C-alpha atoms as a PDB file:
ATOM      1  CA  MET A   1       0.000   0.000   0.000  1.00  0.00           C
ATOM      2  CA  HIS A   2       1.454   3.332  -1.042  1.00  0.00           C
ATOM      3  CA  LEU A   3       0.185   6.414   0.739  1.00  0.00           C
ATOM      4  CA  HIS A   4       1.142   9.659  -0.936  1.00  0.00           C
ATOM      5  CA  ILE A   5       0.703  12.730   1.243  1.00  0.00           C
ATOM      6  CA  HIS A   6       1.293  16.294   0.164  1.00  0.00           C
ATOM      7  CA  ILE A   7       2.290  18.453   3.127  1.00  0.00           C
ATOM      8  CA  LEU A   8       0.370  21.717   3.125  1.00  0.00           C
ATOM      9  CA  PRO A   9       1.541  24.968   4.739  1.00  0.00           C
ATOM     10  CA  GLY A  10       0.329  25.143   8.324  1.00  0.00           C
ATOM     11  CA  HIS A  11       0.546  21.406   9.024  1.00  0.00           C
ATOM     12  CA  ASP A  12       2.864  20.633  11.911  1.00  0.00           C
ATOM     13  CA  SER A  13       4.381  17.504  10.437  1.00  0.00           C
ATOM     14  CA  GLU A  14       3.830  14.527   8.200  1.00  0.00           C
ATOM     15  CA  GLN A  15       3.089  12.435  11.290  1.00  0.00           C
ATOM     16  CA  THR A  16       0.257  14.773  12.233  1.00  0.00           C
ATOM     17  CA  LEU A  17      -1.225  14.462   8.770  1.00  0.00           C
ATOM     18  CA  LEU A  18      -0.800  10.686   8.818  1.00  0.00           C
ATOM     19  CA  ALA A  19      -2.602  10.516  12.152  1.00  0.00           C
ATOM     20  CA  TYR A  20      -5.414  12.634  10.698  1.00  0.00           C
ATOM     21  CA  TRP A  21      -5.611  10.434   7.590  1.00  0.00           C
ATOM     22  CA  PHE A  22      -5.807   7.256   9.634  1.00  0.00           C
ATOM     23  CA  SER A  23      -8.408   8.773  11.942  1.00  0.00           C
ATOM     24  CA  LEU A  24     -10.588   9.498   8.911  1.00  0.00           C
ATOM     25  CA  THR A  25     -10.085   6.250   7.057  1.00  0.00           C
ATOM     26  CA  TYR A  26      -9.226   3.488   9.515  1.00  0.00           C
ATOM     27  CA  SER A  27     -12.828   2.761  10.407  1.00  0.00           C
ATOM     28  CA  CYS A  28     -13.654   2.468   6.712  1.00  0.00           C
ATOM     29  CA  ILE A  29     -10.760   0.217   5.696  1.00  0.00           C
ATOM     30  CA  ALA A  30     -10.204  -1.824   8.860  1.00  0.00           C
ATOM     31  CA  GLU A  31     -12.651  -4.565   7.871  1.00  0.00           C
ATOM     32  CA  GLN A  32     -11.164  -4.857   4.391  1.00  0.00           C
ATOM     33  CA  MET A  33      -7.644  -4.957   5.828  1.00  0.00           C
ATOM     34  CA  VAL A  34      -8.645  -7.750   8.211  1.00  0.00           C
ATOM     35  CA  GLN A  35     -10.162  -9.708   5.340  1.00  0.00           C
ATOM     36  CA  VAL A  36      -7.032  -9.244   3.234  1.00  0.00           C
ATOM     37  CA  HIS A  37      -4.808 -10.216   6.160  1.00  0.00           C
ATOM     38  CA  GLU A  38      -6.810 -13.372   6.785  1.00  0.00           C
ATOM     39  CA  TYR A  39      -6.711 -14.269   3.084  1.00  0.00           C
ATOM     40  CA  VAL A  40      -2.959 -13.720   2.843  1.00  0.00           C
ATOM     41  CA  THR A  41      -2.425 -15.719   6.029  1.00  0.00           C
ATOM     42  CA  PHE A  42      -4.527 -18.528   4.542  1.00  0.00           C
ATOM     43  CA  ILE A  43      -2.504 -18.521   1.321  1.00  0.00           C
ATOM     44  CA  ALA A  44       0.773 -18.400   3.252  1.00  0.00           C
ATOM     45  CA  THR A  45      -0.341 -21.308   5.404  1.00  0.00           C
ATOM     46  CA  ARG A  46      -1.221 -23.310   2.309  1.00  0.00           C
ATOM     47  CA  THR A  47       2.011 -22.562   0.452  1.00  0.00           C
ATOM     48  CA  CYS A  48       4.747 -22.028   3.049  1.00  0.00           C
ATOM     49  CA  ASN A  49       7.562 -24.450   3.736  1.00  0.00           C
ATOM     50  CA  HIS A  50       6.493 -26.129   6.975  1.00  0.00           C
ATOM     51  CA  ASP A  51      10.139 -26.417   7.981  1.00  0.00           C
ATOM     52  CA  ASN A  52      10.313 -22.626   8.012  1.00  0.00           C
ATOM     53  CA  PRO A  53       7.329 -21.137   9.910  1.00  0.00           C
ATOM     54  CA  HIS A  54       6.215 -17.631   9.085  1.00  0.00           C
ATOM     55  CA  ASP A  55       7.832 -14.832  11.068  1.00  0.00           C
END
């Protein structure tokens, strides 16, 4: 996921803007992210080398 942020005059820092962005969007994307995470975990479990567990 690539998040491109343009810093505008008056913003304290990129971290502040990131916090604002997440506060606006996290509730909207959290469910999708969980679903993607579970899917990727499922695929990894199906395809990984069992001698080398995931980190």
